[in-house]
C-alpha atoms as a PDB file:
ATOM      1  CA  MET A   1     110.378  92.979  60.291  1.00  0.00           C
ATOM      2  CA  ALA A   2     107.305  94.574  61.851  1.00  0.00           C
ATOM      3  CA  LEU A   3     105.227  96.981  59.824  1.00  0.00           C
ATOM      4  CA  ARG A   4     105.142 100.363  61.506  1.00  0.00           C
ATOM      5  CA  SER A   5     103.464 103.699  61.042  1.00  0.00           C
ATOM      6  CA  ALA A   6     105.624 106.756  61.688  1.00  0.00           C
ATOM      7  CA  LYS A   7     102.575 108.477  63.173  1.00  0.00           C
ATOM      8  CA  TYR A   8     102.058 105.925  65.945  1.00  0.00           C
ATOM      9  CA  ALA A   9     105.550 104.455  66.292  1.00  0.00           C
ATOM     10  CA  PRO A  10     106.445 103.862  69.962  1.00  0.00           C
ATOM     11  CA  ASN A  11     109.538 105.400  71.540  1.00  0.00           C
ATOM     12  CA  VAL A  12     110.602 102.005  72.907  1.00  0.00           C
ATOM     13  CA  VAL A  13     110.117  98.603  71.315  1.00  0.00           C
ATOM     14  CA  LEU A  14     111.175  95.495  73.215  1.00  0.00           C
ATOM     15  CA  ASN A  15     113.365  93.303  71.012  1.00  0.00           C
ATOM     16  CA  VAL A  16     113.682  89.937  72.787  1.00  0.00           C
ATOM     17  CA  GLU A  17     116.678  89.010  70.601  1.00  0.00           C
ATOM     18  CA  GLN A  18     118.706  91.565  72.576  1.00  0.00           C
ATOM     19  CA  LEU A  19     117.930  89.673  75.787  1.00  0.00           C
ATOM     20  CA  LYS A  20     119.639  86.328  75.064  1.00  0.00           C
ATOM     21  CA  TYR A  21     120.326  85.842  78.753  1.00  0.00           C
ATOM     22  CA  PHE A  22     116.605  85.406  79.386  1.00  0.00           C
ATOM     23  CA  GLU A  23     115.863  83.071  76.467  1.00  0.00           C
ATOM     24  CA  GLU A  24     115.329  79.995  78.639  1.00  0.00           C
ATOM     25  CA  LYS A  25     113.535  81.829  81.423  1.00  0.00           C
ATOM     26  CA  LEU A  26     111.098  83.424  78.972  1.00  0.00           C
ATOM     27  CA  LYS A  27     109.447  79.992  78.603  1.00  0.00           C
ATOM     28  CA  VAL A  28     107.510  80.938  81.726  1.00  0.00           C
ATOM     29  CA  LEU A  29     105.450  83.242  79.493  1.00  0.00           C
ATOM     30  CA  HIS A  30     104.262  80.395  77.203  1.00  0.00           C
ATOM     31  CA  GLY A  31     101.416  79.478  79.536  1.00  0.00           C
ATOM     32  CA  MET A  32      99.989  83.013  79.488  1.00  0.00           C
ATOM     33  CA  THR A  33      97.231  84.315  77.288  1.00  0.00           C
ATOM     34  CA  ILE A  34      98.338  86.819  74.639  1.00  0.00           C
ATOM     35  CA  LYS A  35      96.587  89.603  76.528  1.00  0.00           C
ATOM     36  CA  LYS A  36      98.452  88.859  79.779  1.00  0.00           C
ATOM     37  CA  ARG A  37     101.747  88.487  77.933  1.00  0.00           C
ATOM     38  CA  ARG A  38     101.258  91.891  76.307  1.00  0.00           C
ATOM     39  CA  ARG A  39     100.482  93.356  79.718  1.00  0.00           C
ATOM     40  CA  GLU A  40     103.764  92.003  81.104  1.00  0.00           C
ATOM     41  CA  PHE A  41     105.817  93.467  78.259  1.00  0.00           C
ATOM     42  CA  GLN A  42     103.901  96.741  78.559  1.00  0.00           C
ATOM     43  CA  LYS A  43     105.124  97.010  82.161  1.00  0.00           C
ATOM     44  CA  LEU A  44     108.709  96.563  80.920  1.00  0.00           C
ATOM     45  CA  THR A  45     108.559  99.361  78.350  1.00  0.00           C
ATOM     46  CA  ASN A  46     106.724 101.683  80.763  1.00  0.00           C
ATOM     47  CA  TYR A  47     109.448 101.093  83.347  1.00  0.00           C
ATOM     48  CA  ALA A  48     112.150 101.741  80.735  1.00  0.00           C
ATOM     49  CA  LEU A  49     110.608 105.123  79.867  1.00  0.00           C
ATOM     50  CA  ALA A  50     110.259 106.401  83.455  1.00  0.00           C
ATOM     51  CA  PRO A  51     113.522 108.465  83.335  1.00  0.00           C
ATOM     52  CA  THR A  52     112.511 109.975  79.982  1.00  0.00           C
ATOM     53  CA  LYS A  53     109.147 111.063  81.374  1.00  0.00           C
ATOM     54  CA  LYS A  54     110.785 112.603  84.444  1.00  0.00           C
ATOM     55  CA  ARG A  55     113.376 114.446  82.332  1.00  0.00           C
ATOM     56  CA  MET A  56     110.746 115.643  79.852  1.00  0.00           C
ATOM     57  CA  LYS A  57     108.671 117.132  82.668  1.00  0.00           C
ATOM     58  CA  ALA A  58     111.775 118.894  84.011  1.00  0.00           C
ATOM     59  CA  LEU A  59     112.662 120.386  80.590  1.00  0.00           C
ATOM     60  CA  ALA A  60     109.123 121.416  79.545  1.00  0.00           C
ATOM     61  CA  PRO A  61     108.523 125.167  79.931  1.00  0.00           C
ATOM     62  CA  MET A  62     106.101 125.995  82.736  1.00  0.00           C
ATOM     63  CA  GLY A  63     103.924 128.605  81.037  1.00  0.00           C
ATOM     64  CA  LYS A  64     101.038 130.335  82.812  1.00  0.00           C
ATOM     65  CA  THR A  65      98.941 127.248  83.538  1.00  0.00           C
ATOM     66  CA  GLY A  66     101.533 124.462  83.551  1.00  0.00           C
ATOM     67  CA  SER A  67      99.281 122.454  81.207  1.00  0.00           C
ATOM     68  CA  LEU A  68     102.216 121.279  79.082  1.00  0.00           C
ATOM     69  CA  LYS A  69     104.027 119.706  82.047  1.00  0.00           C
ATOM     70  CA  LYS A  70     100.781 118.156  83.320  1.00  0.00           C
ATOM     71  CA  SER A  71     100.036 116.599  79.925  1.00  0.00           C
ATOM     72  CA  ILE A  72     103.255 114.530  79.771  1.00  0.00           C
ATOM     73  CA  THR A  73     102.467 110.868  80.341  1.00  0.00           C
ATOM     74  CA  THR A  74     103.463 107.358  79.286  1.00  0.00           C
ATOM     75  CA  ALA A  75     100.871 105.515  77.213  1.00  0.00           C
ATOM     76  CA  LYS A  76     100.768 102.124  75.554  1.00  0.00           C
ATOM     77  CA  ALA A  77     101.534 101.857  71.862  1.00  0.00           C
ATOM     78  CA  LYS A  78     100.487  98.456  70.600  1.00  0.00           C
ATOM     79  CA  LYS A  79      99.791  96.937  67.202  1.00  0.00           C
ATOM     80  CA  VAL A  80      98.074  93.617  66.739  1.00  0.00           C
ATOM     81  CA  GLY A  81      97.876  91.320  63.734  1.00  0.00           C
ATOM     82  CA  LEU A  82     100.645  91.217  61.107  1.00  0.00           C
ATOM     83  CA  GLY A  83     103.824  92.632  62.617  1.00  0.00           C
ATOM     84  CA  SER A  84     102.251  92.836  66.071  1.00  0.00           C
ATOM     85  CA  ARG A  85     104.255  94.533  68.775  1.00  0.00           C
ATOM     86  CA  VAL A  86     103.892  96.194  72.126  1.00  0.00           C
ATOM     87  CA  GLY A  87     105.664  99.322  73.277  1.00  0.00           C
ATOM     88  CA  SER A  88     105.227 102.620  75.072  1.00  0.00           C
ATOM     89  CA  ARG A  89     105.118 106.270  74.145  1.00  0.00           C
ATOM     90  CA  THR A  90     106.124 109.107  76.453  1.00  0.00           C
ATOM     91  CA  GLY A  91     105.142 112.657  75.669  1.00  0.00           C
ATOM     92  CA  PRO A  92     102.365 115.224  75.831  1.00  0.00           C
ATOM     93  CA  VAL A  93      98.755 114.068  75.350  1.00  0.00           C
ATOM     94  CA  LEU A  94      97.815 115.410  71.912  1.00  0.00           C
ATOM     95  CA  LYS A  95      94.613 113.512  71.094  1.00  0.00           C
ATOM     96  CA  GLY A  96      91.576 112.017  72.766  1.00  0.00           C
ATOM     97  CA  LYS A  97      89.173 113.237  75.406  1.00  0.00           C
ATOM     98  CA  SER A  98      91.644 113.572  78.278  1.00  0.00           C
ATOM     99  CA  LYS A  99      91.467 116.806  80.270  1.00  0.00           C
ATOM    100  CA  ARG A 100      95.275 116.892  80.118  1.00  0.00           C
ATOM    101  CA  ARG A 101      95.281 117.164  76.304  1.00  0.00           C
ATOM    102  CA  VAL A 102      97.273 120.108  74.904  1.00  0.00           C
ATOM    103  CA  ALA A 103      97.264 121.476  71.390  1.00  0.00           C
ATOM    104  CA  HIS A 104     100.438 123.569  71.513  1.00  0.00           C
ATOM    105  CA  ALA A 105     103.142 121.006  72.395  1.00  0.00           C
ATOM    106  CA  HIS A 106     104.538 120.856  68.839  1.00  0.00           C
ATOM    107  CA  LEU A 107     104.673 124.675  68.640  1.00  0.00           C
ATOM    108  CA  VAL A 108     106.807 124.785  71.789  1.00  0.00           C
ATOM    109  CA  GLU A 109     109.054 121.897  70.704  1.00  0.00           C
ATOM    110  CA  LEU A 110     109.659 123.095  67.119  1.00  0.00           C
ATOM    111  CA  GLY A 111     108.857 126.813  67.338  1.00  0.00           C
ATOM    112  CA  THR A 112     106.931 128.737  64.696  1.00  0.00           C
ATOM    113  CA  LYS A 113     108.096 130.492  61.575  1.00  0.00           C
ATOM    114  CA  LYS A 114     108.939 134.154  62.097  1.00  0.00           C
ATOM    115  CA  LYS A 115     107.078 136.388  59.689  1.00  0.00           C
ATOM    116  CA  MET A 116     105.427 139.769  59.351  1.00  0.00           C
ATOM    117  CA  LYS A 117     101.729 140.318  58.724  1.00  0.00           C
ATOM    118  CA  THR A 118     100.531 143.580  57.223  1.00  0.00           C
ATOM    119  CA  LEU A 119      97.000 144.919  57.215  1.00  0.00           C
ATOM    120  CA  LYS A 120      95.396 144.550  53.795  1.00  0.00           C
ATOM    121  CA  LYS A 121      94.076 147.703  52.173  1.00  0.00           C
ATOM    122  CA  GLY A 122      90.426 147.864  51.245  1.00  0.00           C
ATOM    123  CA  ILE A 123      86.971 147.352  52.667  1.00  0.00           C
ATOM    124  CA  GLY A 124      85.807 144.348  54.650  1.00  0.00           C
ATOM    125  CA  PHE A 125      87.522 141.821  56.859  1.00  0.00           C
ATOM    126  CA  GLY A 126      91.011 142.675  55.619  1.00  0.00           C
ATOM    127  CA  ALA A 127      90.657 146.303  56.746  1.00  0.00           C
ATOM    128  CA  LYS A 128      90.324 145.426  60.465  1.00  0.00           C
ATOM    129  CA  PRO A 129      93.485 146.093  62.490  1.00  0.00           C
ATOM    130  CA  PHE A 130      95.275 143.353  64.383  1.00  0.00           C
ATOM    131  CA  THR A 131      93.883 143.575  67.918  1.00  0.00           C
ATOM    132  CA  PHE A 132      95.356 141.909  70.977  1.00  0.00           C
ATOM    133  CA  TYR A 133      95.879 142.466  74.683  1.00  0.00           C
ATOM    134  CA  SER A 134      99.445 143.279  75.660  1.00  0.00           C
ATOM    135  CA  VAL A 135     100.581 141.892  79.008  1.00  0.00           C
ATOM    136  CA  ARG A 136     103.634 144.135  78.827  1.00  0.00           C
ATOM    137  CA  TYR A 137     101.642 147.386  78.386  1.00  0.00           C
ATOM    138  CA  ARG A 138      98.489 146.110  80.168  1.00  0.00           C
ATOM    139  CA  LYS A 139      96.099 147.372  77.515  1.00  0.00           C
ATOM    140  CA  VAL A 140      94.470 146.432  74.202  1.00  0.00           C
ATOM    141  CA  ILE A 141      96.675 147.293  71.225  1.00  0.00           C
ATOM    142  CA  ARG A 142      95.604 147.724  67.591  1.00  0.00           C
ATOM    143  CA  LYS A 143      98.225 147.641  64.840  1.00  0.00           C
ATOM    144  CA  ALA A 144      98.365 147.601  61.055  1.00  0.00           C
ATOM    145  CA  ARG A 145     101.519 145.446  61.068  1.00  0.00           C
ATOM    146  CA  ILE A 146     102.697 142.709  63.427  1.00  0.00           C
ATOM    147  CA  HIS A 147     105.760 140.506  63.687  1.00  0.00           C
ATOM    148  CA  HIS A 148     105.076 137.053  65.079  1.00  0.00           C
ATOM    149  CA  GLY A 149     106.712 133.697  65.543  1.00  0.00           C
ATOM    150  CA  SER A 150     108.162 131.863  68.511  1.00  0.00           C
ATOM    151  CA  LYS A 151     111.585 130.406  69.210  1.00  0.00           C
ATOM    152  CA  ALA A 152     111.779 126.619  69.563  1.00  0.00           C
ATOM    153  CA  ARG A 153     112.074 125.415  73.171  1.00  0.00           C
ATOM    154  CA  PRO A 154     112.718 121.676  72.697  1.00  0.00           C
ATOM    155  CA  PHE A 155     111.955 119.375  75.621  1.00  0.00           C
ATOM    156  CA  ILE A 156     110.970 116.073  73.945  1.00  0.00           C
ATOM    157  CA  ALA A 157     114.047 115.402  71.784  1.00  0.00           C
ATOM    158  CA  PRO A 158     116.590 116.387  74.490  1.00  0.00           C
ATOM    159  CA  ALA A 159     114.833 114.214  77.099  1.00  0.00           C
ATOM    160  CA  TYR A 160     114.994 111.226  74.728  1.00  0.00           C
ATOM    161  CA  ARG A 161     118.677 111.820  73.860  1.00  0.00           C
ATOM    162  CA  GLN A 162     119.684 112.183  77.519  1.00  0.00           C
ATOM    163  CA  THR A 163     117.928 109.027  78.742  1.00  0.00           C
ATOM    164  CA  LYS A 164     117.850 106.533  75.841  1.00  0.00           C
ATOM    165  CA  HIS A 165     121.004 104.746  77.087  1.00  0.00           C
ATOM    166  CA  GLU A 166     119.019 103.633  80.167  1.00  0.00           C
ATOM    167  CA  TYR A 167     116.345 101.672  78.242  1.00  0.00           C
ATOM    168  CA  VAL A 168     118.024  98.278  77.791  1.00  0.00           C
ATOM    169  CA  PRO A 169     119.551  98.099  81.315  1.00  0.00           C
ATOM    170  CA  ARG A 170     116.187  99.047  82.866  1.00  0.00           C
ATOM    171  CA  ILE A 171     114.334  96.447  80.774  1.00  0.00           C
ATOM    172  CA  LYS A 172     116.835  93.777  81.824  1.00  0.00           C
ATOM    173  CA  GLU A 173     116.539  94.756  85.483  1.00  0.00           C
ATOM    174  CA  LYS A 174     112.729  94.782  85.430  1.00  0.00           C
ATOM    175  CA  LEU A 175     112.541  91.559  83.409  1.00  0.00           C
ATOM    176  CA  ARG A 176     114.875  89.754  85.817  1.00  0.00           C
ATOM    177  CA  ARG A 177     112.684  90.738  88.800  1.00  0.00           C
ATOM    178  CA  ARG A 178     109.415  90.000  87.001  1.00  0.00           C
ATOM    179  CA  LEU A 179     110.480  86.541  85.764  1.00  0.00           C
ATOM    180  CA  LYS A 180     111.652  85.645  89.246  1.00  0.00           C
ATOM    181  CA  ALA A 181     108.247  86.659  90.649  1.00  0.00           C
ATOM    182  CA  LEU A 182     106.417  84.694  87.937  1.00  0.00           C
ATOM    183  CA  LEU A 183     108.484  81.571  88.525  1.00  0.00           C
ATOM    184  CA  VAL A 184     107.792  81.714  92.270  1.00  0.00           C
ATOM    185  CA  GLY A 185     104.097  82.665  91.873  1.00  0.00           C
ATOM    186  CA  THR A 186     101.276  80.173  91.477  1.00  0.00           C
ATOM    187  CA  GLY A 187      99.502  79.546  88.204  1.00  0.00           C
ATOM    188  CA  SER A 188      96.238  81.075  89.430  1.00  0.00           C
ATOM    189  CA  LYS A 189      97.844  84.323  90.634  1.00  0.00           C
ATOM    190  CA  SER A 190     100.182  84.952  87.717  1.00  0.00           C
ATOM    191  CA  GLY A 191      97.959  83.555  84.978  1.00  0.00           C
ATOM    192  CA  ILE A 192     100.530  80.930  83.925  1.00  0.00           C
ATOM    193  CA  THR A 193     100.918  77.204  84.144  1.00  0.00           C
ATOM    194  CA  LYS A 194     103.852  76.115  86.296  1.00  0.00           C
ATOM    195  CA  ILE A 195     106.828  74.756  84.378  1.00  0.00           C
ATOM    196  CA  GLY A 196     106.918  70.997  84.339  1.00  0.00           C
ATOM    197  CA  LYS A 197     103.152  70.626  84.677  1.00  0.00           C
ATOM    198  CA  SER A 198     100.840  69.932  81.760  1.00  0.00           C
END
């Protein structure tokens, strides 16, 4: 069993044992380097997640800038060494230097706790009123007490639930087409040695 971290676990992991039909045909991958083999399986998991990505974008709230919808992408999720695997992750970009990175995706998906904040009595920082611009009243408002919190608007979990049944059929379909192309292709183009040749 592969070691996995919950933090970086991929949404889709390709389990070759589920694809018994392709057991013999998969020998075409033996001539590939590990890097090229990973690349081939990466294409499979990316293809499997395409409906999830599309559904996630449709369910994500638009907001003022649309940054949440724009941030949704499919990225590779690989682990090498002991328990190595290759997979894909679909969702908002949360880390890295990408311009599409968003910091509020989890707040939209899960919501925030509703609570009341009251102005602290006394001198200093605590005595300053809560100040914010109200879009509704079109002016700056200062209050001694505020209620805040946002309702959850899930878009990641529903997209996964609605499309997860498509993963295995899509992997099989893509794998069938890819193996056929690899078997027909030459060794130099596909990066493999033709079957039957040493």
